PDB file of N, CA and C in Angstrom:
ATOM      1  N   MET A   1       4.208  48.604 -88.807  1.00  0.00           N
ATOM      2  CA  MET A   1       3.650  49.553 -89.728  1.00  0.00           C
ATOM      3  C   MET A   1       4.594  49.712 -90.915  1.00  0.00           C
ATOM      4  N   SER A   2       4.034  49.983 -92.002  1.00  0.00           N
ATOM      5  CA  SER A   2       4.856  50.161 -93.208  1.00  0.00           C
ATOM      6  C   SER A   2       4.173  51.283 -94.065  1.00  0.00           C
ATOM      7  N   ASN A   3       4.654  51.456 -95.238  1.00  0.00           N
ATOM      8  CA  ASN A   3       4.121  52.429 -96.189  1.00  0.00           C
ATOM      9  C   ASN A   3       3.380  51.520 -97.330  1.00  0.00           C
ATOM     10  N   ARG A   4       2.148  52.133 -97.607  1.00  0.00           N
ATOM     11  CA  ARG A   4       1.541  51.601 -98.773  1.00  0.00           C
ATOM     12  C   ARG A   4       2.311  52.077-100.026  1.00  0.00           C
ATOM     13  N   PRO A   5       2.549  51.206-100.937  1.00  0.00           N
ATOM     14  CA  PRO A   5       3.356  51.545-102.045  1.00  0.00           C
ATOM     15  C   PRO A   5       2.722  52.685-102.931  1.00  0.00           C
ATOM     16  N   ASP A   6       1.448  52.828-102.955  1.00  0.00           N
ATOM     17  CA  ASP A   6       0.811  53.811-103.846  1.00  0.00           C
ATOM     18  C   ASP A   6       0.506  55.122-103.072  1.00  0.00           C
ATOM     19  N   ILE A   7       0.712  55.285-101.797  1.00  0.00           N
ATOM     20  CA  ILE A   7       0.640  56.528-101.172  1.00  0.00           C
ATOM     21  C   ILE A   7       1.855  56.829-100.260  1.00  0.00           C
ATOM     22  N   ASP A   8       2.263  58.023-100.435  1.00  0.00           N
ATOM     23  CA  ASP A   8       3.527  58.436 -99.610  1.00  0.00           C
ATOM     24  C   ASP A   8       2.999  59.047 -98.312  1.00  0.00           C
ATOM     25  N   LYS A   9       3.507  58.552 -97.243  1.00  0.00           N
ATOM     26  CA  LYS A   9       3.077  58.960 -95.908  1.00  0.00           C
ATOM     27  C   LYS A   9       3.280  60.515 -95.697  1.00  0.00           C
ATOM     28  N   ASN A  10       4.440  60.942 -96.217  1.00  0.00           N
ATOM     29  CA  ASN A  10       4.781  62.382 -96.078  1.00  0.00           C
ATOM     30  C   ASN A  10       3.763  63.340 -96.850  1.00  0.00           C
ATOM     31  N   GLU A  11       3.470  62.730 -97.977  1.00  0.00           N
ATOM     32  CA  GLU A  11       2.437  63.506 -98.859  1.00  0.00           C
ATOM     33  C   GLU A  11       1.074  63.617 -98.139  1.00  0.00           C
ATOM     34  N   LEU A  12       0.729  62.431 -97.525  1.00  0.00           N
ATOM     35  CA  LEU A  12      -0.582  62.457 -96.766  1.00  0.00           C
ATOM     36  C   LEU A  12      -0.510  63.306 -95.569  1.00  0.00           C
ATOM     37  N   CYS A  13       0.633  63.411 -94.823  1.00  0.00           N
ATOM     38  CA  CYS A  13       0.778  64.256 -93.691  1.00  0.00           C
ATOM     39  C   CYS A  13       0.696  65.728 -94.163  1.00  0.00           C
ATOM     40  N   GLU A  14       1.394  66.039 -95.245  1.00  0.00           N
ATOM     41  CA  GLU A  14       1.336  67.372 -95.751  1.00  0.00           C
ATOM     42  C   GLU A  14      -0.056  67.801 -96.224  1.00  0.00           C
ATOM     43  N   LYS A  15      -0.905  66.868 -96.719  1.00  0.00           N
ATOM     44  CA  LYS A  15      -2.253  67.083 -97.087  1.00  0.00           C
ATOM     45  C   LYS A  15      -3.029  67.394 -95.878  1.00  0.00           C
ATOM     46  N   ILE A  16      -2.778  66.746 -94.739  1.00  0.00           N
ATOM     47  CA  ILE A  16      -3.532  67.028 -93.511  1.00  0.00           C
ATOM     48  C   ILE A  16      -3.149  68.473 -92.993  1.00  0.00           C
ATOM     49  N   ARG A  17      -1.876  68.792 -93.131  1.00  0.00           N
ATOM     50  CA  ARG A  17      -1.439  70.159 -92.688  1.00  0.00           C
ATOM     51  C   ARG A  17      -2.043  71.204 -93.578  1.00  0.00           C
ATOM     52  N   GLU A  18      -2.271  70.894 -94.841  1.00  0.00           N
ATOM     53  CA  GLU A  18      -2.795  71.792 -95.732  1.00  0.00           C
ATOM     54  C   GLU A  18      -4.268  72.130 -95.366  1.00  0.00           C
ATOM     55  N   ILE A  19      -4.969  71.120 -94.872  1.00  0.00           N
ATOM     56  CA  ILE A  19      -6.400  71.260 -94.484  1.00  0.00           C
ATOM     57  C   ILE A  19      -6.404  71.920 -93.084  1.00  0.00           C
ATOM     58  N   TYR A  20      -5.437  71.613 -92.264  1.00  0.00           N
ATOM     59  CA  TYR A  20      -5.452  72.176 -90.859  1.00  0.00           C
ATOM     60  C   TYR A  20      -3.987  72.724 -90.653  1.00  0.00           C
ATOM     61  N   PRO A  21      -3.793  74.008 -91.159  1.00  0.00           N
ATOM     62  CA  PRO A  21      -2.407  74.500 -91.107  1.00  0.00           C
ATOM     63  C   PRO A  21      -1.853  74.734 -89.758  1.00  0.00           C
ATOM     64  N   ASP A  22      -2.680  74.833 -88.675  1.00  0.00           N
ATOM     65  CA  ASP A  22      -2.240  75.013 -87.351  1.00  0.00           C
ATOM     66  C   ASP A  22      -1.953  73.790 -86.628  1.00  0.00           C
ATOM     67  N   ILE A  23      -2.029  72.638 -87.289  1.00  0.00           N
ATOM     68  CA  ILE A  23      -2.004  71.300 -86.557  1.00  0.00           C
ATOM     69  C   ILE A  23      -0.628  70.970 -86.075  1.00  0.00           C
ATOM     70  N   GLY A  24       0.399  71.544 -86.735  1.00  0.00           N
ATOM     71  CA  GLY A  24       1.725  71.238 -86.220  1.00  0.00           C
ATOM     72  C   GLY A  24       2.670  70.770 -87.282  1.00  0.00           C
ATOM     73  N   THR A  25       3.743  70.152 -86.917  1.00  0.00           N
ATOM     74  CA  THR A  25       4.793  69.681 -87.871  1.00  0.00           C
ATOM     75  C   THR A  25       4.738  68.217 -88.098  1.00  0.00           C
ATOM     76  N   CYS A  26       4.856  67.801 -89.351  1.00  0.00           N
ATOM     77  CA  CYS A  26       4.918  66.352 -89.641  1.00  0.00           C
ATOM     78  C   CYS A  26       6.086  65.727 -88.969  1.00  0.00           C
ATOM     79  N   GLY A  27       5.968  64.542 -88.390  1.00  0.00           N
ATOM     80  CA  GLY A  27       6.981  63.815 -87.757  1.00  0.00           C
ATOM     81  C   GLY A  27       7.154  64.203 -86.275  1.00  0.00           C
ATOM     82  N   ILE A  28       6.598  65.378 -85.889  1.00  0.00           N
ATOM     83  CA  ILE A  28       6.692  65.803 -84.548  1.00  0.00           C
ATOM     84  C   ILE A  28       5.328  65.786 -83.852  1.00  0.00           C
ATOM     85  N   ASP A  29       4.493  66.764 -84.379  1.00  0.00           N
ATOM     86  CA  ASP A  29       3.130  66.925 -83.803  1.00  0.00           C
ATOM     87  C   ASP A  29       2.161  65.918 -84.439  1.00  0.00           C
ATOM     88  N   ILE A  30       2.421  65.598 -85.597  1.00  0.00           N
ATOM     89  CA  ILE A  30       1.494  64.628 -86.302  1.00  0.00           C
ATOM     90  C   ILE A  30       2.355  63.599 -87.114  1.00  0.00           C
ATOM     91  N   ASP A  31       1.922  62.372 -87.004  1.00  0.00           N
ATOM     92  CA  ASP A  31       2.695  61.258 -87.595  1.00  0.00           C
ATOM     93  C   ASP A  31       1.644  60.402 -88.319  1.00  0.00           C
ATOM     94  N   VAL A  32       1.937  60.021 -89.548  1.00  0.00           N
ATOM     95  CA  VAL A  32       1.100  59.143 -90.303  1.00  0.00           C
ATOM     96  C   VAL A  32       1.794  57.905 -90.729  1.00  0.00           C
ATOM     97  N   ASN A  33       1.193  56.764 -90.520  1.00  0.00           N
ATOM     98  CA  ASN A  33       1.766  55.480 -90.867  1.00  0.00           C
ATOM     99  C   ASN A  33       0.724  54.524 -91.340  1.00  0.00           C
ATOM    100  N   TYR A  34       1.084  53.547 -92.140  1.00  0.00           N
ATOM    101  CA  TYR A  34       0.110  52.611 -92.582  1.00  0.00           C
ATOM    102  C   TYR A  34       0.224  51.356 -91.749  1.00  0.00           C
ATOM    103  N   SER A  35      -0.897  50.853 -91.276  1.00  0.00           N
ATOM    104  CA  SER A  35      -0.896  49.602 -90.532  1.00  0.00           C
ATOM    105  C   SER A  35      -1.323  48.454 -91.381  1.00  0.00           C
ATOM    106  N   ASP A  36      -0.318  47.571 -91.629  1.00  0.00           N
ATOM    107  CA  ASP A  36      -0.573  46.342 -92.494  1.00  0.00           C
ATOM    108  C   ASP A  36      -1.610  45.487 -91.739  1.00  0.00           C
ATOM    109  N   GLU A  37      -1.515  45.483 -90.403  1.00  0.00           N
ATOM    110  CA  GLU A  37      -2.417  44.580 -89.572  1.00  0.00           C
ATOM    111  C   GLU A  37      -3.776  44.999 -89.703  1.00  0.00           C
ATOM    112  N   GLN A  38      -4.045  46.412 -89.680  1.00  0.00           N
ATOM    113  CA  GLN A  38      -5.412  46.948 -89.714  1.00  0.00           C
ATOM    114  C   GLN A  38      -5.844  47.311 -91.004  1.00  0.00           C
ATOM    115  N   GLN A  39      -4.905  47.332 -92.001  1.00  0.00           N
ATOM    116  CA  GLN A  39      -5.231  47.695 -93.440  1.00  0.00           C
ATOM    117  C   GLN A  39      -5.795  49.125 -93.492  1.00  0.00           C
ATOM    118  N   ARG A  40      -5.199  50.028 -92.723  1.00  0.00           N
ATOM    119  CA  ARG A  40      -5.599  51.425 -92.843  1.00  0.00           C
ATOM    120  C   ARG A  40      -4.591  52.300 -92.264  1.00  0.00           C
ATOM    121  N   TRP A  41      -4.723  53.612 -92.520  1.00  0.00           N
ATOM    122  CA  TRP A  41      -3.810  54.609 -92.026  1.00  0.00           C
ATOM    123  C   TRP A  41      -3.998  54.961 -90.614  1.00  0.00           C
ATOM    124  N   VAL A  42      -2.903  55.147 -89.857  1.00  0.00           N
ATOM    125  CA  VAL A  42      -2.971  55.647 -88.467  1.00  0.00           C
ATOM    126  C   VAL A  42      -2.455  56.987 -88.427  1.00  0.00           C
ATOM    127  N   VAL A  43      -3.263  58.013 -87.955  1.00  0.00           N
ATOM    128  CA  VAL A  43      -2.858  59.383 -87.765  1.00  0.00           C
ATOM    129  C   VAL A  43      -2.725  59.608 -86.352  1.00  0.00           C
ATOM    130  N   ASP A  44      -1.531  59.929 -85.950  1.00  0.00           N
ATOM    131  CA  ASP A  44      -1.195  60.182 -84.516  1.00  0.00           C
ATOM    132  C   ASP A  44      -0.875  61.656 -84.290  1.00  0.00           C
ATOM    133  N   LEU A  45      -1.759  62.228 -83.459  1.00  0.00           N
ATOM    134  CA  LEU A  45      -1.691  63.716 -83.242  1.00  0.00           C
ATOM    135  C   LEU A  45      -1.272  63.958 -81.901  1.00  0.00           C
ATOM    136  N   LYS A  46      -0.173  64.832 -81.691  1.00  0.00           N
ATOM    137  CA  LYS A  46       0.305  65.110 -80.346  1.00  0.00           C
ATOM    138  C   LYS A  46       0.183  66.615 -80.100  1.00  0.00           C
ATOM    139  N   LYS A  47      -0.285  67.008 -78.953  1.00  0.00           N
ATOM    140  CA  LYS A  47      -0.389  68.356 -78.582  1.00  0.00           C
ATOM    141  C   LYS A  47      -0.031  68.525 -77.072  1.00  0.00           C
ATOM    142  N   ASP A  48       1.055  69.175 -76.626  1.00  0.00           N
ATOM    143  CA  ASP A  48       1.457  69.273 -75.328  1.00  0.00           C
ATOM    144  C   ASP A  48       1.665  67.863 -74.766  1.00  0.00           C
ATOM    145  N   ALA A  49       1.026  67.499 -73.674  1.00  0.00           N
ATOM    146  CA  ALA A  49       1.148  66.165 -73.077  1.00  0.00           C
ATOM    147  C   ALA A  49       0.171  65.197 -73.615  1.00  0.00           C
ATOM    148  N   HIS A  50      -0.634  65.628 -74.570  1.00  0.00           N
ATOM    149  CA  HIS A  50      -1.797  64.746 -75.060  1.00  0.00           C
ATOM    150  C   HIS A  50      -1.401  64.111 -76.311  1.00  0.00           C
ATOM    151  N   GLU A  51      -2.002  62.870 -76.489  1.00  0.00           N
ATOM    152  CA  GLU A  51      -1.681  62.223 -77.789  1.00  0.00           C
ATOM    153  C   GLU A  51      -3.065  61.395 -78.100  1.00  0.00           C
ATOM    154  N   LEU A  52      -3.459  61.489 -79.276  1.00  0.00           N
ATOM    155  CA  LEU A  52      -4.624  60.761 -79.759  1.00  0.00           C
ATOM    156  C   LEU A  52      -4.362  60.242 -81.150  1.00  0.00           C
ATOM    157  N   LYS A  53      -5.017  59.066 -81.443  1.00  0.00           N
ATOM    158  CA  LYS A  53      -4.907  58.511 -82.752  1.00  0.00           C
ATOM    159  C   LYS A  53      -6.221  58.328 -83.418  1.00  0.00           C
ATOM    160  N   THR A  54      -6.235  58.410 -84.771  1.00  0.00           N
ATOM    161  CA  THR A  54      -7.517  58.093 -85.488  1.00  0.00           C
ATOM    162  C   THR A  54      -6.994  57.283 -86.705  1.00  0.00           C
ATOM    163  N   TYR A  55      -7.977  56.686 -87.282  1.00  0.00           N
ATOM    164  CA  TYR A  55      -7.665  55.751 -88.476  1.00  0.00           C
ATOM    165  C   TYR A  55      -8.458  56.189 -89.662  1.00  0.00           C
ATOM    166  N   LEU A  56      -7.752  56.167 -90.792  1.00  0.00           N
ATOM    167  CA  LEU A  56      -8.256  56.485 -92.116  1.00  0.00           C
ATOM    168  C   LEU A  56      -8.291  55.231 -92.935  1.00  0.00           C
ATOM    169  N   GLU A  57      -9.462  55.022 -93.535  1.00  0.00           N
ATOM    170  CA  GLU A  57      -9.618  53.933 -94.501  1.00  0.00           C
ATOM    171  C   GLU A  57      -8.792  54.291 -95.821  1.00  0.00           C
ATOM    172  N   ASP A  58      -8.278  53.323 -96.408  1.00  0.00           N
ATOM    173  CA  ASP A  58      -7.413  53.487 -97.650  1.00  0.00           C
ATOM    174  C   ASP A  58      -8.219  54.454 -98.617  1.00  0.00           C
ATOM    175  N   GLY A  59      -9.499  54.182 -98.884  1.00  0.00           N
ATOM    176  CA  GLY A  59     -10.201  54.979 -99.830  1.00  0.00           C
ATOM    177  C   GLY A  59     -10.248  56.467 -99.525  1.00  0.00           C
ATOM    178  N   ASP A  60     -10.340  56.838 -98.183  1.00  0.00           N
ATOM    179  CA  ASP A  60     -10.377  58.185 -97.667  1.00  0.00           C
ATOM    180  C   ASP A  60      -9.066  58.871 -98.046  1.00  0.00           C
ATOM    181  N   ALA A  61      -7.949  58.263 -97.731  1.00  0.00           N
ATOM    182  CA  ALA A  61      -6.654  58.821 -97.979  1.00  0.00           C
ATOM    183  C   ALA A  61      -6.370  58.961 -99.477  1.00  0.00           C
ATOM    184  N   GLU A  62      -6.692  57.983-100.256  1.00  0.00           N
ATOM    185  CA  GLU A  62      -6.529  58.117-101.720  1.00  0.00           C
ATOM    186  C   GLU A  62      -7.414  59.171-102.354  1.00  0.00           C
ATOM    187  N   LEU A  63      -8.638  59.254-102.059  1.00  0.00           N
ATOM    188  CA  LEU A  63      -9.504  60.279-102.613  1.00  0.00           C
ATOM    189  C   LEU A  63      -8.981  61.645-102.276  1.00  0.00           C
ATOM    190  N   CYS A  64      -8.538  61.882-101.097  1.00  0.00           N
ATOM    191  CA  CYS A  64      -7.996  63.166-100.659  1.00  0.00           C
ATOM    192  C   CYS A  64      -6.749  63.554-101.396  1.00  0.00           C
ATOM    193  N   LEU A  65      -5.824  62.601-101.519  1.00  0.00           N
ATOM    194  CA  LEU A  65      -4.520  62.848-102.161  1.00  0.00           C
ATOM    195  C   LEU A  65      -4.694  63.114-103.673  1.00  0.00           C
ATOM    196  N   THR A  66      -5.690  62.517-104.284  1.00  0.00           N
ATOM    197  CA  THR A  66      -5.976  62.789-105.733  1.00  0.00           C
ATOM    198  C   THR A  66      -6.857  64.071-105.943  1.00  0.00           C
ATOM    199  N   GLY A  67      -7.148  64.786-104.817  1.00  0.00           N
ATOM    200  CA  GLY A  67      -7.829  66.052-104.887  1.00  0.00           C
ATOM    201  C   GLY A  67      -9.347  65.896-105.238  1.00  0.00           C
ATOM    202  N   LYS A  68      -9.845  64.682-104.967  1.00  0.00           N
ATOM    203  CA  LYS A  68     -11.203  64.426-105.262  1.00  0.00           C
ATOM    204  C   LYS A  68     -12.151  64.748-104.065  1.00  0.00           C
ATOM    205  N   GLN A  69     -11.744  64.262-102.888  1.00  0.00           N
ATOM    206  CA  GLN A  69     -12.634  64.444-101.747  1.00  0.00           C
ATOM    207  C   GLN A  69     -11.776  64.302-100.444  1.00  0.00           C
ATOM    208  N   CYS A  70     -11.809  65.287 -99.607  1.00  0.00           N
ATOM    209  CA  CYS A  70     -11.076  65.309 -98.407  1.00  0.00           C
ATOM    210  C   CYS A  70     -12.093  65.298 -97.202  1.00  0.00           C
ATOM    211  N   VAL A  71     -13.332  65.079 -97.412  1.00  0.00           N
ATOM    212  CA  VAL A  71     -14.356  65.198 -96.354  1.00  0.00           C
ATOM    213  C   VAL A  71     -14.075  64.139 -95.205  1.00  0.00           C
ATOM    214  N   GLY A  72     -13.853  62.893 -95.653  1.00  0.00           N
ATOM    215  CA  GLY A  72     -13.595  61.827 -94.627  1.00  0.00           C
ATOM    216  C   GLY A  72     -12.371  62.163 -93.753  1.00  0.00           C
ATOM    217  N   LEU A  73     -11.315  62.538 -94.472  1.00  0.00           N
ATOM    218  CA  LEU A  73     -10.087  62.922 -93.802  1.00  0.00           C
ATOM    219  C   LEU A  73     -10.301  64.116 -92.894  1.00  0.00           C
ATOM    220  N   GLY A  74     -10.935  65.155 -93.425  1.00  0.00           N
ATOM    221  CA  GLY A  74     -11.229  66.409 -92.619  1.00  0.00           C
ATOM    222  C   GLY A  74     -12.064  66.099 -91.357  1.00  0.00           C
ATOM    223  N   ILE A  75     -13.066  65.294 -91.504  1.00  0.00           N
ATOM    224  CA  ILE A  75     -13.917  64.941 -90.328  1.00  0.00           C
ATOM    225  C   ILE A  75     -13.145  64.193 -89.281  1.00  0.00           C
ATOM    226  N   GLU A  76     -12.309  63.268 -89.665  1.00  0.00           N
ATOM    227  CA  GLU A  76     -11.516  62.528 -88.730  1.00  0.00           C
ATOM    228  C   GLU A  76     -10.536  63.385 -88.032  1.00  0.00           C
ATOM    229  N   ILE A  77      -9.781  64.323 -88.657  1.00  0.00           N
ATOM    230  CA  ILE A  77      -8.865  65.156 -88.144  1.00  0.00           C
ATOM    231  C   ILE A  77      -9.493  66.171 -87.224  1.00  0.00           C
ATOM    232  N   ALA A  78     -10.672  66.733 -87.681  1.00  0.00           N
ATOM    233  CA  ALA A  78     -11.390  67.717 -86.886  1.00  0.00           C
ATOM    234  C   ALA A  78     -11.830  67.078 -85.515  1.00  0.00           C
ATOM    235  N   GLN A  79     -12.260  65.900 -85.491  1.00  0.00           N
ATOM    236  CA  GLN A  79     -12.685  65.211 -84.308  1.00  0.00           C
ATOM    237  C   GLN A  79     -11.487  65.079 -83.391  1.00  0.00           C
ATOM    238  N   LEU A  80     -10.339  64.628 -83.984  1.00  0.00           N
ATOM    239  CA  LEU A  80      -9.164  64.426 -83.248  1.00  0.00           C
ATOM    240  C   LEU A  80      -8.649  65.739 -82.510  1.00  0.00           C
ATOM    241  N   VAL A  81      -8.558  66.763 -83.339  1.00  0.00           N
ATOM    242  CA  VAL A  81      -8.173  68.082 -82.803  1.00  0.00           C
ATOM    243  C   VAL A  81      -9.182  68.555 -81.666  1.00  0.00           C
ATOM    244  N   GLY A  82     -10.468  68.381 -81.905  1.00  0.00           N
ATOM    245  CA  GLY A  82     -11.472  68.782 -80.913  1.00  0.00           C
ATOM    246  C   GLY A  82     -11.293  67.999 -79.615  1.00  0.00           C
ATOM    247  N   ASN A  83     -10.996  66.686 -79.761  1.00  0.00           N
ATOM    248  CA  ASN A  83     -10.826  65.861 -78.599  1.00  0.00           C
ATOM    249  C   ASN A  83      -9.657  66.265 -77.775  1.00  0.00           C
ATOM    250  N   ILE A  84      -8.544  66.621 -78.456  1.00  0.00           N
ATOM    251  CA  ILE A  84      -7.350  67.060 -77.788  1.00  0.00           C
ATOM    252  C   ILE A  84      -7.573  68.350 -77.075  1.00  0.00           C
ATOM    253  N   GLU A  85      -8.274  69.277 -77.776  1.00  0.00           N
ATOM    254  CA  GLU A  85      -8.513  70.664 -77.187  1.00  0.00           C
ATOM    255  C   GLU A  85      -9.380  70.529 -75.889  1.00  0.00           C
ATOM    256  N   ARG A  86     -10.280  69.511 -75.835  1.00  0.00           N
ATOM    257  CA  ARG A  86     -11.139  69.388 -74.701  1.00  0.00           C
ATOM    258  C   ARG A  86     -10.512  68.632 -73.510  1.00  0.00           C
ATOM    259  N   MET A  87      -9.297  68.152 -73.764  1.00  0.00           N
ATOM    260  CA  MET A  87      -8.577  67.448 -72.642  1.00  0.00           C
ATOM    261  C   MET A  87      -8.111  68.428 -71.585  1.00  0.00           C
ATOM    262  N   PRO A  88      -8.232  68.089 -70.297  1.00  0.00           N
ATOM    263  CA  PRO A  88      -7.681  68.971 -69.300  1.00  0.00           C
ATOM    264  C   PRO A  88      -6.213  69.023 -69.269  1.00  0.00           C
ATOM    265  N   GLY A  89      -5.624  70.103 -68.829  1.00  0.00           N
ATOM    266  CA  GLY A  89      -4.219  70.147 -68.626  1.00  0.00           C
ATOM    267  C   GLY A  89      -3.423  70.679 -69.731  1.00  0.00           C
TER     268      GLY A  89
END
């Protein structure tokens, strides 16, 4: 995994935290990396003993960071948070 040159992973992580302020801390509870292999962003969310990943297309990440549209990002993260909250234990 690497960083896309036009998007800063910390900036993307902070944007996710802005949308979901109770999600946790960047680098600990939530991690964002670009997958060259898959050509998209990997969002890794951890809560207690649970961990789930979701993927963001380049366009979704870019639109959100430019303040145009965070719907795609918001839906993905909401699903991820919901899945973790439904996990037993």
